[in-house]
C-alpha atoms as a PDB file:
ATOM      1  CA  SER A   1       0.000   0.000   0.000  1.00  0.00           C
ATOM      2  CA  TYR A   2       1.149   3.562  -0.742  1.00  0.00           C
ATOM      3  CA  CYS A   3       0.586   6.213   1.919  1.00  0.00           C
ATOM      4  CA  CYS A   4       0.317   9.948   1.439  1.00  0.00           C
ATOM      5  CA  GLN A   5       3.128  11.606   3.412  1.00  0.00           C
ATOM      6  CA  TRP A   6       1.488  15.058   3.425  1.00  0.00           C
ATOM      7  CA  SER A   7       1.091  16.390   6.961  1.00  0.00           C
ATOM      8  CA  GLY A   8      -2.415  15.671   8.238  1.00  0.00           C
ATOM      9  CA  CYS A   9      -3.398  13.446   5.304  1.00  0.00           C
ATOM     10  CA  CYS A  10      -4.016   9.776   6.070  1.00  0.00           C
ATOM     11  CA  LYS A  11      -4.986   8.486   2.614  1.00  0.00           C
ATOM     12  CA  HIS A  12      -3.701   5.129   1.358  1.00  0.00           C
ATOM     13  CA  PHE A  13      -3.642   3.787  -2.189  1.00  0.00           C
ATOM     14  CA  LYS A  14      -3.101   0.367  -3.713  1.00  0.00           C
ATOM     15  CA  GLN A  15      -1.426   1.820  -6.807  1.00  0.00           C
ATOM     16  CA  ARG A  16       1.505   4.256  -6.898  1.00  0.00           C
ATOM     17  CA  GLN A  17      -0.070   6.122  -9.834  1.00  0.00           C
ATOM     18  CA  LYS A  18      -3.165   6.880  -7.768  1.00  0.00           C
ATOM     19  CA  LEU A  19      -1.002   8.242  -4.955  1.00  0.00           C
ATOM     20  CA  GLU A  20       0.886  10.428  -7.451  1.00  0.00           C
ATOM     21  CA  ARG A  21      -2.391  11.794  -8.826  1.00  0.00           C
ATOM     22  CA  HIS A  22      -3.608  12.444  -5.276  1.00  0.00           C
ATOM     23  CA  MET A  23      -0.385  14.303  -4.388  1.00  0.00           C
ATOM     24  CA  LYS A  24      -1.187  16.859  -7.081  1.00  0.00           C
ATOM     25  CA  SER A  25      -4.144  17.951  -4.961  1.00  0.00           C
ATOM     26  CA  HIS A  26      -1.688  19.056  -2.262  1.00  0.00           C
ATOM     27  CA  SER A  27       0.501  21.239  -4.452  1.00  0.00           C
ATOM     28  CA  CYS A  28       0.237  24.539  -6.274  1.00  0.00           C
ATOM     29  CA  TYR A  29       0.332  24.000 -10.051  1.00  0.00           C
ATOM     30  CA  LYS A  30      -0.495  27.520 -11.182  1.00  0.00           C
ATOM     31  CA  GLY A  31       2.987  28.684 -10.239  1.00  0.00           C
ATOM     32  CA  PHE A  32       2.325  31.687  -7.971  1.00  0.00           C
ATOM     33  CA  GLN A  33       1.274  30.931  -4.416  1.00  0.00           C
ATOM     34  CA  CYS A  34       0.257  33.458  -1.778  1.00  0.00           C
ATOM     35  CA  SER A  35       2.500  33.235   1.287  1.00  0.00           C
ATOM     36  CA  LEU A  36      -0.366  34.391   3.509  1.00  0.00           C
ATOM     37  CA  CYS A  37      -3.220  32.049   2.542  1.00  0.00           C
ATOM     38  CA  SER A  38      -1.627  29.465   0.153  1.00  0.00           C
ATOM     39  CA  LYS A  39      -4.069  30.317  -2.663  1.00  0.00           C
ATOM     40  CA  CYS A  40      -2.577  29.832  -6.148  1.00  0.00           C
ATOM     41  CA  PHE A  41      -2.600  32.142  -9.159  1.00  0.00           C
ATOM     42  CA  SER A  42      -1.560  31.825 -12.798  1.00  0.00           C
ATOM     43  CA  THR A  43       0.409  35.103 -12.978  1.00  0.00           C
ATOM     44  CA  SER A  44       2.453  37.227 -10.604  1.00  0.00           C
ATOM     45  CA  ASP A  45       0.226  40.236 -11.415  1.00  0.00           C
ATOM     46  CA  ILE A  46      -2.892  38.438 -10.196  1.00  0.00           C
ATOM     47  CA  LEU A  47      -1.041  37.311  -7.072  1.00  0.00           C
ATOM     48  CA  HIS A  48       0.061  40.907  -6.437  1.00  0.00           C
ATOM     49  CA  GLN A  49      -3.545  42.149  -6.799  1.00  0.00           C
ATOM     50  CA  HIS A  50      -4.700  39.443  -4.397  1.00  0.00           C
ATOM     51  CA  LYS A  51      -2.167  40.533  -1.763  1.00  0.00           C
ATOM     52  CA  ARG A  52      -3.500  44.120  -1.803  1.00  0.00           C
END
């Protein structure tokens, strides 16, 4: 069994591929993440607007 190592997540998977797909839910794929709330944005301009 494959276990998610993310802090606070207790999910287990029988297949490594399913764990890898699940891990994507824990990370920021848009590239620009707010250091205050962890929300993700596609451009630095949008992130900057959000921080105001």
